[in-house]
Amino acid sequence: MPPIRTPDLTRRELLTAAGSATALSATNVVGSREASVREATLHVRVYPGPVSVFTWLRNDWSDFVSGWFDVHRDATDAVETAIETIATYAETHSSLERVETSVEACDPVDLSLVSAGSLSLFSQEALADAFREDVHNRRATTGSACHLLLWWNALNYELGYGGTRAQNNHVSALEDEGAQTIANLGATEAWDSRAVTRNIAIHETLHTFLSPDVVEEVVDSGCDHDLGTATRVDERTLEVSPMATAYAGPDEFGGGTRWHGTGCYDHDAFARHDGYEGVENWEYTTELSEATLEATTLYLERYLS
């Protein structure tokens, strides 16, 4: 019996086969490249709280209906600009090739928080726990998001300018929990200025994207506030960056901000502190210090990529 002969492949069949092999190879290369891309996301959800009657009167009726007033929008815009700056920095100064940002304007907090804030006027912990419960009730919790409450309580000394819930004070501290933090806009608006309001909103948000290990690696200190700067722009004017806000002046009433922060700080450990002797004018810039950018980038690489 003559040997069985395999039919010759036509030119079209050969080209088709070659094309399929090339396409498969290209797909594998692209898939391999995508698998090796390191990326991270800076995700913030912002929740407005109640405001003063005076604030109502200065805004439109539509703001009253939505629960979003100009002070909330200004604070949120400042936060959004800050995290976009971090994302840009991280993409050019780290192993991360892509950093996404997301700032969500959420519905106002549940009214139960109002009673929680009133009944526990001096309890930051009670307010933070009530806020966490509200976030969970919305089913809005994610493991990598910062949930920022824009609160209004100018007389709450314990809350001060704000604070982060201790049990999950940065977004990767507890699995699938994220972090809850509060910026007391009532205090900044009543005692200071809109510039301080913007900085405190950024300040409290960035606390949740920092941890002692990355801070210490940058400024040889485990305190987030030491990432900030206090820079003399002339003999009588000191310009303060977000992480140093409320900590750059003397520990006394009216030292920079009207109230001094009660957290950790050491002026000698700041990324930069030019001293406050003779300073009469305090300015607050939303521009992040180089140290803050470095530390948040390290956090993204280490915990969120």
C-alpha atoms as a PDB file:
ATOM      1  CA  MET A   1       0.000   0.000   0.000  1.00  0.00           C
ATOM      2  CA  PRO A   2       1.438   3.371  -0.908  1.00  0.00           C
ATOM      3  CA  PRO A   3       2.192   5.661   2.036  1.00  0.00           C
ATOM      4  CA  ILE A   4      -0.532   8.074   3.106  1.00  0.00           C
ATOM      5  CA  ARG A   5       0.366  11.552   1.990  1.00  0.00           C
ATOM      6  CA  THR A   6      -0.648  14.587   3.978  1.00  0.00           C
ATOM      7  CA  PRO A   7      -2.200  17.230   1.703  1.00  0.00           C
ATOM      8  CA  ASP A   8      -0.064  20.312   1.129  1.00  0.00           C
ATOM      9  CA  LEU A   9      -1.279  23.418   2.999  1.00  0.00           C
ATOM     10  CA  THR A  10      -2.417  26.182   0.760  1.00  0.00           C
ATOM     11  CA  ARG A  11      -0.770  29.609   0.961  1.00  0.00           C
ATOM     12  CA  ARG A  12      -3.932  31.041   2.568  1.00  0.00           C
ATOM     13  CA  GLU A  13      -3.912  28.305   5.232  1.00  0.00           C
ATOM     14  CA  LEU A  14      -0.254  28.953   5.974  1.00  0.00           C
ATOM     15  CA  LEU A  15      -0.841  32.677   6.309  1.00  0.00           C
ATOM     16  CA  THR A  16      -3.867  32.071   8.532  1.00  0.00           C
ATOM     17  CA  ALA A  17      -1.889  29.741  10.758  1.00  0.00           C
ATOM     18  CA  ALA A  18       0.998  32.185  10.958  1.00  0.00           C
ATOM     19  CA  GLY A  19      -1.370  35.017  11.758  1.00  0.00           C
ATOM     20  CA  SER A  20      -3.017  33.028  14.541  1.00  0.00           C
ATOM     21  CA  ALA A  21       0.354  32.182  16.049  1.00  0.00           C
ATOM     22  CA  THR A  22       1.432  35.820  15.866  1.00  0.00           C
ATOM     23  CA  ALA A  23      -1.806  36.989  17.465  1.00  0.00           C
ATOM     24  CA  LEU A  24      -1.460  34.404  20.256  1.00  0.00           C
ATOM     25  CA  SER A  25       2.131  35.470  20.852  1.00  0.00           C
ATOM     26  CA  ALA A  26       1.151  39.127  20.948  1.00  0.00           C
ATOM     27  CA  THR A  27      -1.680  38.362  23.364  1.00  0.00           C
ATOM     28  CA  ASN A  28       0.715  36.542  25.665  1.00  0.00           C
ATOM     29  CA  VAL A  29       3.155  39.457  25.572  1.00  0.00           C
ATOM     30  CA  VAL A  30       0.433  41.992  26.343  1.00  0.00           C
ATOM     31  CA  GLY A  31      -1.008  39.786  29.068  1.00  0.00           C
ATOM     32  CA  SER A  32       2.431  39.323  30.594  1.00  0.00           C
ATOM     33  CA  ARG A  33       3.093  43.061  30.447  1.00  0.00           C
ATOM     34  CA  GLU A  34      -0.256  43.881  32.060  1.00  0.00           C
ATOM     35  CA  ALA A  35       0.345  41.316  34.782  1.00  0.00           C
ATOM     36  CA  SER A  36       3.616  43.026  35.658  1.00  0.00           C
ATOM     37  CA  VAL A  37       2.157  46.536  35.834  1.00  0.00           C
ATOM     38  CA  ARG A  38       2.103  47.840  39.404  1.00  0.00           C
ATOM     39  CA  GLU A  39      -0.817  50.097  40.111  1.00  0.00           C
ATOM     40  CA  ALA A  40      -2.683  51.542  43.071  1.00  0.00           C
ATOM     41  CA  THR A  41      -5.765  53.601  43.819  1.00  0.00           C
ATOM     42  CA  LEU A  42      -6.319  56.559  46.125  1.00  0.00           C
ATOM     43  CA  HIS A  43     -10.006  56.328  46.957  1.00  0.00           C
ATOM     44  CA  VAL A  44     -11.819  58.884  49.133  1.00  0.00           C
ATOM     45  CA  ARG A  45     -15.529  59.064  49.923  1.00  0.00           C
ATOM     46  CA  VAL A  46     -16.681  62.386  51.375  1.00  0.00           C
ATOM     47  CA  TYR A  47     -19.805  62.793  53.521  1.00  0.00           C
ATOM     48  CA  PRO A  48     -21.129  66.233  54.478  1.00  0.00           C
ATOM     49  CA  GLY A  49     -22.554  66.746  57.949  1.00  0.00           C
ATOM     50  CA  PRO A  50     -24.907  69.406  59.305  1.00  0.00           C
ATOM     51  CA  VAL A  51     -23.816  73.044  59.248  1.00  0.00           C
ATOM     52  CA  SER A  52     -24.709  76.156  61.211  1.00  0.00           C
ATOM     53  CA  VAL A  53     -27.817  78.235  60.480  1.00  0.00           C
ATOM     54  CA  PHE A  54     -25.530  81.092  59.450  1.00  0.00           C
ATOM     55  CA  THR A  55     -24.031  78.843  56.774  1.00  0.00           C
ATOM     56  CA  TRP A  56     -27.507  77.978  55.508  1.00  0.00           C
ATOM     57  CA  LEU A  57     -28.296  81.655  55.082  1.00  0.00           C
ATOM     58  CA  ARG A  58     -25.184  82.266  52.976  1.00  0.00           C
ATOM     59  CA  ASN A  59     -25.988  79.457  50.527  1.00  0.00           C
ATOM     60  CA  ASP A  60     -28.658  78.653  47.960  1.00  0.00           C
ATOM     61  CA  TRP A  61     -31.789  76.699  48.766  1.00  0.00           C
ATOM     62  CA  SER A  62     -30.519  73.919  46.483  1.00  0.00           C
ATOM     63  CA  ASP A  63     -27.524  73.512  48.795  1.00  0.00           C
ATOM     64  CA  PHE A  64     -29.861  73.056  51.736  1.00  0.00           C
ATOM     65  CA  VAL A  65     -31.758  70.353  49.835  1.00  0.00           C
ATOM     66  CA  SER A  66     -28.611  68.495  48.754  1.00  0.00           C
ATOM     67  CA  GLY A  67     -26.784  68.919  52.052  1.00  0.00           C
ATOM     68  CA  TRP A  68     -23.696  70.064  50.137  1.00  0.00           C
ATOM     69  CA  PHE A  69     -22.659  73.656  50.942  1.00  0.00           C
ATOM     70  CA  ASP A  70     -19.809  75.748  49.558  1.00  0.00           C
ATOM     71  CA  VAL A  71     -17.593  74.896  52.536  1.00  0.00           C
ATOM     72  CA  HIS A  72     -18.036  71.179  51.811  1.00  0.00           C
ATOM     73  CA  ARG A  73     -17.235  71.691  48.139  1.00  0.00           C
ATOM     74  CA  ASP A  74     -14.127  73.749  48.893  1.00  0.00           C
ATOM     75  CA  ALA A  75     -12.831  71.129  51.316  1.00  0.00           C
ATOM     76  CA  THR A  76     -13.537  68.303  48.869  1.00  0.00           C
ATOM     77  CA  ASP A  77     -11.864  70.120  45.982  1.00  0.00           C
ATOM     78  CA  ALA A  78      -8.770  70.618  48.136  1.00  0.00           C
ATOM     79  CA  VAL A  79      -8.674  66.906  48.972  1.00  0.00           C
ATOM     80  CA  GLU A  80      -9.111  65.950  45.326  1.00  0.00           C
ATOM     81  CA  THR A  81      -6.258  68.215  44.220  1.00  0.00           C
ATOM     82  CA  ALA A  82      -4.013  66.791  46.951  1.00  0.00           C
ATOM     83  CA  ILE A  83      -4.528  63.152  46.022  1.00  0.00           C
ATOM     84  CA  GLU A  84      -4.130  63.909  42.317  1.00  0.00           C
ATOM     85  CA  THR A  85      -0.789  65.537  43.164  1.00  0.00           C
ATOM     86  CA  ILE A  86       0.228  62.402  45.069  1.00  0.00           C
ATOM     87  CA  ALA A  87      -0.804  60.191  42.152  1.00  0.00           C
ATOM     88  CA  THR A  88       1.263  62.218  39.685  1.00  0.00           C
ATOM     89  CA  TYR A  89       4.259  62.169  42.008  1.00  0.00           C
ATOM     90  CA  ALA A  90       3.978  58.418  42.614  1.00  0.00           C
ATOM     91  CA  GLU A  91       3.863  57.618  38.899  1.00  0.00           C
ATOM     92  CA  THR A  92       7.162  59.418  38.334  1.00  0.00           C
ATOM     93  CA  HIS A  93       9.002  58.657  41.602  1.00  0.00           C
ATOM     94  CA  SER A  94       8.209  55.018  42.358  1.00  0.00           C
ATOM     95  CA  SER A  95       7.785  51.547  40.918  1.00  0.00           C
ATOM     96  CA  LEU A  96       4.082  52.260  40.422  1.00  0.00           C
ATOM     97  CA  GLU A  97       3.234  52.711  36.758  1.00  0.00           C
ATOM     98  CA  ARG A  98      -0.353  53.792  37.266  1.00  0.00           C
ATOM     99  CA  VAL A  99      -2.122  55.448  40.196  1.00  0.00           C
ATOM    100  CA  GLU A 100      -5.850  56.026  39.912  1.00  0.00           C
ATOM    101  CA  THR A 101      -7.718  58.573  42.021  1.00  0.00           C
ATOM    102  CA  SER A 102     -11.356  58.618  43.024  1.00  0.00           C
ATOM    103  CA  VAL A 103     -13.105  61.233  45.169  1.00  0.00           C
ATOM    104  CA  GLU A 104     -16.811  60.550  45.641  1.00  0.00           C
ATOM    105  CA  ALA A 105     -19.278  63.125  46.898  1.00  0.00           C
ATOM    106  CA  CYS A 106     -21.680  61.050  49.000  1.00  0.00           C
ATOM    107  CA  ASP A 107     -25.085  61.770  50.468  1.00  0.00           C
ATOM    108  CA  PRO A 108     -25.142  63.568  53.844  1.00  0.00           C
ATOM    109  CA  VAL A 109     -24.641  61.461  56.949  1.00  0.00           C
ATOM    110  CA  ASP A 110     -27.590  59.859  58.667  1.00  0.00           C
ATOM    111  CA  LEU A 111     -29.319  62.166  61.136  1.00  0.00           C
ATOM    112  CA  SER A 112     -28.557  59.715  63.951  1.00  0.00           C
ATOM    113  CA  LEU A 113     -25.044  61.120  63.884  1.00  0.00           C
ATOM    114  CA  VAL A 114     -26.400  64.521  64.852  1.00  0.00           C
ATOM    115  CA  SER A 115     -27.770  63.147  68.105  1.00  0.00           C
ATOM    116  CA  ALA A 116     -24.581  61.162  68.638  1.00  0.00           C
ATOM    117  CA  GLY A 117     -22.544  64.330  68.275  1.00  0.00           C
ATOM    118  CA  SER A 118     -24.843  66.278  70.594  1.00  0.00           C
ATOM    119  CA  LEU A 119     -25.220  63.709  73.335  1.00  0.00           C
ATOM    120  CA  SER A 120     -21.514  62.960  73.339  1.00  0.00           C
ATOM    121  CA  LEU A 121     -20.329  66.509  72.795  1.00  0.00           C
ATOM    122  CA  PHE A 122     -16.780  65.830  73.937  1.00  0.00           C
ATOM    123  CA  SER A 123     -16.388  62.276  72.674  1.00  0.00           C
ATOM    124  CA  GLN A 124     -14.455  61.954  69.436  1.00  0.00           C
ATOM    125  CA  GLU A 125     -14.608  58.181  69.780  1.00  0.00           C
ATOM    126  CA  ALA A 126     -18.435  58.115  69.933  1.00  0.00           C
ATOM    127  CA  LEU A 127     -18.746  60.281  66.850  1.00  0.00           C
ATOM    128  CA  ALA A 128     -16.196  58.195  64.917  1.00  0.00           C
ATOM    129  CA  ASP A 129     -17.987  54.970  65.868  1.00  0.00           C
ATOM    130  CA  ALA A 130     -21.364  56.422  64.842  1.00  0.00           C
ATOM    131  CA  PHE A 131     -19.877  57.509  61.520  1.00  0.00           C
ATOM    132  CA  ARG A 132     -18.461  54.028  60.932  1.00  0.00           C
ATOM    133  CA  GLU A 133     -21.890  52.530  61.618  1.00  0.00           C
ATOM    134  CA  ASP A 134     -23.484  54.910  59.119  1.00  0.00           C
ATOM    135  CA  VAL A 135     -20.942  53.915  56.452  1.00  0.00           C
ATOM    136  CA  HIS A 136     -21.618  50.226  57.100  1.00  0.00           C
ATOM    137  CA  ASN A 137     -25.385  50.747  56.969  1.00  0.00           C
ATOM    138  CA  ARG A 138     -24.950  52.258  53.503  1.00  0.00           C
ATOM    139  CA  ARG A 139     -22.895  49.200  52.482  1.00  0.00           C
ATOM    140  CA  ALA A 140     -20.273  51.685  51.353  1.00  0.00           C
ATOM    141  CA  THR A 141     -17.314  50.106  53.129  1.00  0.00           C
ATOM    142  CA  THR A 142     -14.303  49.062  51.073  1.00  0.00           C
ATOM    143  CA  GLY A 143     -10.956  47.891  52.342  1.00  0.00           C
ATOM    144  CA  SER A 144      -8.946  50.600  50.617  1.00  0.00           C
ATOM    145  CA  ALA A 145     -11.140  53.707  50.892  1.00  0.00           C
ATOM    146  CA  CYS A 146     -10.869  56.683  53.196  1.00  0.00           C
ATOM    147  CA  HIS A 147     -14.298  57.766  54.438  1.00  0.00           C
ATOM    148  CA  LEU A 148     -14.112  61.466  55.305  1.00  0.00           C
ATOM    149  CA  LEU A 149     -16.821  63.103  57.425  1.00  0.00           C
ATOM    150  CA  LEU A 150     -17.037  66.890  57.149  1.00  0.00           C
ATOM    151  CA  TRP A 151     -18.449  67.674  60.599  1.00  0.00           C
ATOM    152  CA  TRP A 152     -19.574  70.918  62.223  1.00  0.00           C
ATOM    153  CA  ASN A 153     -19.000  71.370  65.948  1.00  0.00           C
ATOM    154  CA  ALA A 154     -16.997  74.471  66.781  1.00  0.00           C
ATOM    155  CA  LEU A 155     -17.193  73.893  70.551  1.00  0.00           C
ATOM    156  CA  ASN A 156     -16.125  70.261  70.673  1.00  0.00           C
ATOM    157  CA  TYR A 157     -12.743  70.512  72.367  1.00  0.00           C
ATOM    158  CA  GLU A 158     -12.092  66.763  72.381  1.00  0.00           C
ATOM    159  CA  LEU A 159     -12.715  66.482  68.649  1.00  0.00           C
ATOM    160  CA  GLY A 160     -10.652  69.613  68.031  1.00  0.00           C
ATOM    161  CA  TYR A 161      -9.973  70.113  64.350  1.00  0.00           C
ATOM    162  CA  GLY A 162     -10.653  66.462  63.646  1.00  0.00           C
ATOM    163  CA  GLY A 163      -9.373  62.958  64.094  1.00  0.00           C
ATOM    164  CA  THR A 164      -9.224  59.440  62.702  1.00  0.00           C
ATOM    165  CA  ARG A 165     -10.930  56.408  64.213  1.00  0.00           C
ATOM    166  CA  ALA A 166      -8.201  54.739  66.245  1.00  0.00           C
ATOM    167  CA  GLN A 167      -8.979  51.097  65.473  1.00  0.00           C
ATOM    168  CA  ASN A 168      -8.505  51.535  61.723  1.00  0.00           C
ATOM    169  CA  ASN A 169      -6.553  54.754  61.458  1.00  0.00           C
ATOM    170  CA  HIS A 170      -5.203  53.994  58.003  1.00  0.00           C
ATOM    171  CA  VAL A 171      -6.938  52.289  55.125  1.00  0.00           C
ATOM    172  CA  SER A 172      -5.076  48.975  55.317  1.00  0.00           C
ATOM    173  CA  ALA A 173      -5.095  48.673  59.111  1.00  0.00           C
ATOM    174  CA  LEU A 174      -8.075  46.284  59.155  1.00  0.00           C
ATOM    175  CA  GLU A 175      -8.990  43.960  56.321  1.00  0.00           C
ATOM    176  CA  ASP A 176     -12.019  45.073  54.271  1.00  0.00           C
ATOM    177  CA  GLU A 177     -12.664  48.010  56.607  1.00  0.00           C
ATOM    178  CA  GLY A 178     -11.049  51.094  55.126  1.00  0.00           C
ATOM    179  CA  ALA A 179     -10.673  54.075  57.448  1.00  0.00           C
ATOM    180  CA  GLN A 180     -13.029  56.676  58.897  1.00  0.00           C
ATOM    181  CA  THR A 181     -11.771  60.160  59.606  1.00  0.00           C
ATOM    182  CA  ILE A 182     -13.382  63.452  60.631  1.00  0.00           C
ATOM    183  CA  ALA A 183     -12.515  67.025  59.689  1.00  0.00           C
ATOM    184  CA  ASN A 184     -14.216  69.519  62.017  1.00  0.00           C
ATOM    185  CA  LEU A 185     -15.048  72.316  59.590  1.00  0.00           C
ATOM    186  CA  GLY A 186     -17.139  73.995  62.245  1.00  0.00           C
ATOM    187  CA  ALA A 187     -13.971  74.620  64.233  1.00  0.00           C
ATOM    188  CA  THR A 188     -11.833  75.796  61.326  1.00  0.00           C
ATOM    189  CA  GLU A 189     -14.569  78.096  60.020  1.00  0.00           C
ATOM    190  CA  ALA A 190     -15.442  79.565  63.422  1.00  0.00           C
ATOM    191  CA  TRP A 191     -11.929  80.037  64.803  1.00  0.00           C
ATOM    192  CA  ASP A 192      -9.665  80.320  61.775  1.00  0.00           C
ATOM    193  CA  SER A 193     -10.226  80.665  58.025  1.00  0.00           C
ATOM    194  CA  ARG A 194     -11.232  78.887  54.846  1.00  0.00           C
ATOM    195  CA  ALA A 195      -7.536  78.282  54.129  1.00  0.00           C
ATOM    196  CA  VAL A 196      -7.266  76.321  57.389  1.00  0.00           C
ATOM    197  CA  THR A 197     -10.486  74.478  56.487  1.00  0.00           C
ATOM    198  CA  ARG A 198      -8.931  73.264  53.238  1.00  0.00           C
ATOM    199  CA  ASN A 199      -5.713  72.212  54.943  1.00  0.00           C
ATOM    200  CA  ILE A 200      -7.447  70.326  57.737  1.00  0.00           C
ATOM    201  CA  ALA A 201      -9.591  68.410  55.231  1.00  0.00           C
ATOM    202  CA  ILE A 202      -6.401  67.354  53.422  1.00  0.00           C
ATOM    203  CA  HIS A 203      -4.609  66.724  56.734  1.00  0.00           C
ATOM    204  CA  GLU A 204      -7.232  64.308  58.093  1.00  0.00           C
ATOM    205  CA  THR A 205      -7.551  62.502  54.770  1.00  0.00           C
ATOM    206  CA  LEU A 206      -3.813  61.932  54.399  1.00  0.00           C
ATOM    207  CA  HIS A 207      -3.567  60.481  57.907  1.00  0.00           C
ATOM    208  CA  THR A 208      -5.399  57.460  56.493  1.00  0.00           C
ATOM    209  CA  PHE A 209      -2.807  56.956  53.743  1.00  0.00           C
ATOM    210  CA  LEU A 210       0.162  57.008  56.115  1.00  0.00           C
ATOM    211  CA  SER A 211       1.567  54.651  58.719  1.00  0.00           C
ATOM    212  CA  PRO A 212       4.435  55.043  61.229  1.00  0.00           C
ATOM    213  CA  ASP A 213       6.837  52.831  59.264  1.00  0.00           C
ATOM    214  CA  VAL A 214       6.671  54.889  56.061  1.00  0.00           C
ATOM    215  CA  VAL A 215       6.775  58.189  57.959  1.00  0.00           C
ATOM    216  CA  GLU A 216       9.856  57.105  59.888  1.00  0.00           C
ATOM    217  CA  GLU A 217      11.560  56.063  56.689  1.00  0.00           C
ATOM    218  CA  VAL A 218      11.184  59.602  55.337  1.00  0.00           C
ATOM    219  CA  VAL A 219      11.677  61.904  58.347  1.00  0.00           C
ATOM    220  CA  ASP A 220      13.158  59.574  60.996  1.00  0.00           C
ATOM    221  CA  SER A 221      10.026  60.034  63.087  1.00  0.00           C
ATOM    222  CA  GLY A 222       6.871  57.987  63.488  1.00  0.00           C
ATOM    223  CA  CYS A 223       4.678  61.090  63.702  1.00  0.00           C
ATOM    224  CA  ASP A 224       2.699  62.064  60.582  1.00  0.00           C
ATOM    225  CA  HIS A 225       2.727  65.754  61.506  1.00  0.00           C
ATOM    226  CA  ASP A 226       6.508  65.878  61.150  1.00  0.00           C
ATOM    227  CA  LEU A 227       6.070  65.411  57.396  1.00  0.00           C
ATOM    228  CA  GLY A 228       4.810  68.990  57.278  1.00  0.00           C
ATOM    229  CA  THR A 229       6.704  72.207  56.673  1.00  0.00           C
ATOM    230  CA  ALA A 230       6.649  75.696  58.131  1.00  0.00           C
ATOM    231  CA  THR A 231       8.531  77.946  55.732  1.00  0.00           C
ATOM    232  CA  ARG A 232       9.317  81.643  56.142  1.00  0.00           C
ATOM    233  CA  VAL A 233       8.295  83.548  53.055  1.00  0.00           C
ATOM    234  CA  ASP A 234       9.499  86.787  54.678  1.00  0.00           C
ATOM    235  CA  GLU A 235      10.667  87.866  58.144  1.00  0.00           C
ATOM    236  CA  ARG A 236       7.175  88.043  59.619  1.00  0.00           C
ATOM    237  CA  THR A 237       5.280  85.427  57.590  1.00  0.00           C
ATOM    238  CA  LEU A 238       5.291  81.661  57.983  1.00  0.00           C
ATOM    239  CA  GLU A 239       3.684  79.434  55.358  1.00  0.00           C
ATOM    240  CA  VAL A 240       2.368  76.130  56.673  1.00  0.00           C
ATOM    241  CA  SER A 241       1.678  72.985  54.628  1.00  0.00           C
ATOM    242  CA  PRO A 242      -1.260  70.630  55.352  1.00  0.00           C
ATOM    243  CA  MET A 243       0.412  68.033  57.589  1.00  0.00           C
ATOM    244  CA  ALA A 244       1.871  70.787  59.811  1.00  0.00           C
ATOM    245  CA  THR A 245      -1.423  72.688  60.147  1.00  0.00           C
ATOM    246  CA  ALA A 246      -2.272  73.283  63.846  1.00  0.00           C
ATOM    247  CA  TYR A 247       1.227  72.087  64.847  1.00  0.00           C
ATOM    248  CA  ALA A 248       3.618  74.652  63.388  1.00  0.00           C
ATOM    249  CA  GLY A 249       3.189  77.362  66.027  1.00  0.00           C
ATOM    250  CA  PRO A 250       3.776  77.582  69.782  1.00  0.00           C
ATOM    251  CA  ASP A 251       1.670  75.264  71.938  1.00  0.00           C
ATOM    252  CA  GLU A 252      -0.634  78.002  73.144  1.00  0.00           C
ATOM    253  CA  PHE A 253      -3.924  79.701  72.276  1.00  0.00           C
ATOM    254  CA  GLY A 254      -3.534  81.598  69.016  1.00  0.00           C
ATOM    255  CA  GLY A 255      -0.264  79.943  68.069  1.00  0.00           C
ATOM    256  CA  GLY A 256      -0.766  79.945  64.330  1.00  0.00           C
ATOM    257  CA  THR A 257      -4.204  78.360  64.281  1.00  0.00           C
ATOM    258  CA  ARG A 258      -6.415  79.527  67.141  1.00  0.00           C
ATOM    259  CA  TRP A 259      -6.100  76.134  68.808  1.00  0.00           C
ATOM    260  CA  HIS A 260      -2.940  74.052  68.879  1.00  0.00           C
ATOM    261  CA  GLY A 261      -3.157  70.383  67.969  1.00  0.00           C
ATOM    262  CA  THR A 262      -2.985  67.791  70.734  1.00  0.00           C
ATOM    263  CA  GLY A 263      -1.270  65.057  68.748  1.00  0.00           C
ATOM    264  CA  CYS A 264       2.415  64.213  68.379  1.00  0.00           C
ATOM    265  CA  TYR A 265       4.864  66.689  66.867  1.00  0.00           C
ATOM    266  CA  ASP A 266       8.428  67.881  67.169  1.00  0.00           C
ATOM    267  CA  HIS A 267       9.448  71.047  65.343  1.00  0.00           C
ATOM    268  CA  ASP A 268      13.032  69.791  65.148  1.00  0.00           C
ATOM    269  CA  ALA A 269      11.781  66.657  63.373  1.00  0.00           C
ATOM    270  CA  PHE A 270       9.651  68.510  60.810  1.00  0.00           C
ATOM    271  CA  ALA A 271      10.638  68.104  57.178  1.00  0.00           C
ATOM    272  CA  ARG A 272      11.301  71.828  57.462  1.00  0.00           C
ATOM    273  CA  HIS A 273      10.586  74.335  60.215  1.00  0.00           C
ATOM    274  CA  ASP A 274      12.072  77.828  59.999  1.00  0.00           C
ATOM    275  CA  GLY A 275      10.973  78.834  63.491  1.00  0.00           C
ATOM    276  CA  TYR A 276       8.170  81.158  64.583  1.00  0.00           C
ATOM    277  CA  GLU A 277      10.011  83.874  66.480  1.00  0.00           C
ATOM    278  CA  GLY A 278       8.742  87.250  65.326  1.00  0.00           C
ATOM    279  CA  VAL A 279       6.104  85.725  63.074  1.00  0.00           C
ATOM    280  CA  GLU A 280       2.950  87.819  62.858  1.00  0.00           C
ATOM    281  CA  ASN A 281       1.349  86.407  59.712  1.00  0.00           C
ATOM    282  CA  TRP A 282       0.391  82.777  59.244  1.00  0.00           C
ATOM    283  CA  GLU A 283      -0.411  81.521  55.771  1.00  0.00           C
ATOM    284  CA  TYR A 284      -1.694  78.070  54.880  1.00  0.00           C
ATOM    285  CA  THR A 285      -0.849  76.420  51.587  1.00  0.00           C
ATOM    286  CA  THR A 286      -2.547  73.319  50.209  1.00  0.00           C
ATOM    287  CA  GLU A 287       0.712  72.422  48.456  1.00  0.00           C
ATOM    288  CA  LEU A 288       2.084  69.180  49.872  1.00  0.00           C
ATOM    289  CA  SER A 289       5.618  68.976  51.166  1.00  0.00           C
ATOM    290  CA  GLU A 290       8.128  66.761  49.401  1.00  0.00           C
ATOM    291  CA  ALA A 291       8.252  64.582  52.526  1.00  0.00           C
ATOM    292  CA  THR A 292       4.478  64.103  52.465  1.00  0.00           C
ATOM    293  CA  LEU A 293       4.612  63.091  48.816  1.00  0.00           C
ATOM    294  CA  GLU A 294       7.422  60.628  49.507  1.00  0.00           C
ATOM    295  CA  ALA A 295       5.681  59.043  52.498  1.00  0.00           C
ATOM    296  CA  THR A 296       2.288  58.650  50.840  1.00  0.00           C
ATOM    297  CA  THR A 297       3.984  57.177  47.778  1.00  0.00           C
ATOM    298  CA  LEU A 298       5.773  54.645  49.976  1.00  0.00           C
ATOM    299  CA  TYR A 299       2.436  53.782  51.565  1.00  0.00           C
ATOM    300  CA  LEU A 300       0.880  53.212  48.149  1.00  0.00           C
ATOM    301  CA  GLU A 301       3.744  50.931  47.124  1.00  0.00           C
ATOM    302  CA  ARG A 302       3.803  48.991  50.370  1.00  0.00           C
ATOM    303  CA  TYR A 303       0.127  48.584  51.185  1.00  0.00           C
ATOM    304  CA  LEU A 304      -2.120  49.458  48.226  1.00  0.00           C
ATOM    305  CA  SER A 305      -0.379  48.151  45.087  1.00  0.00           C
END
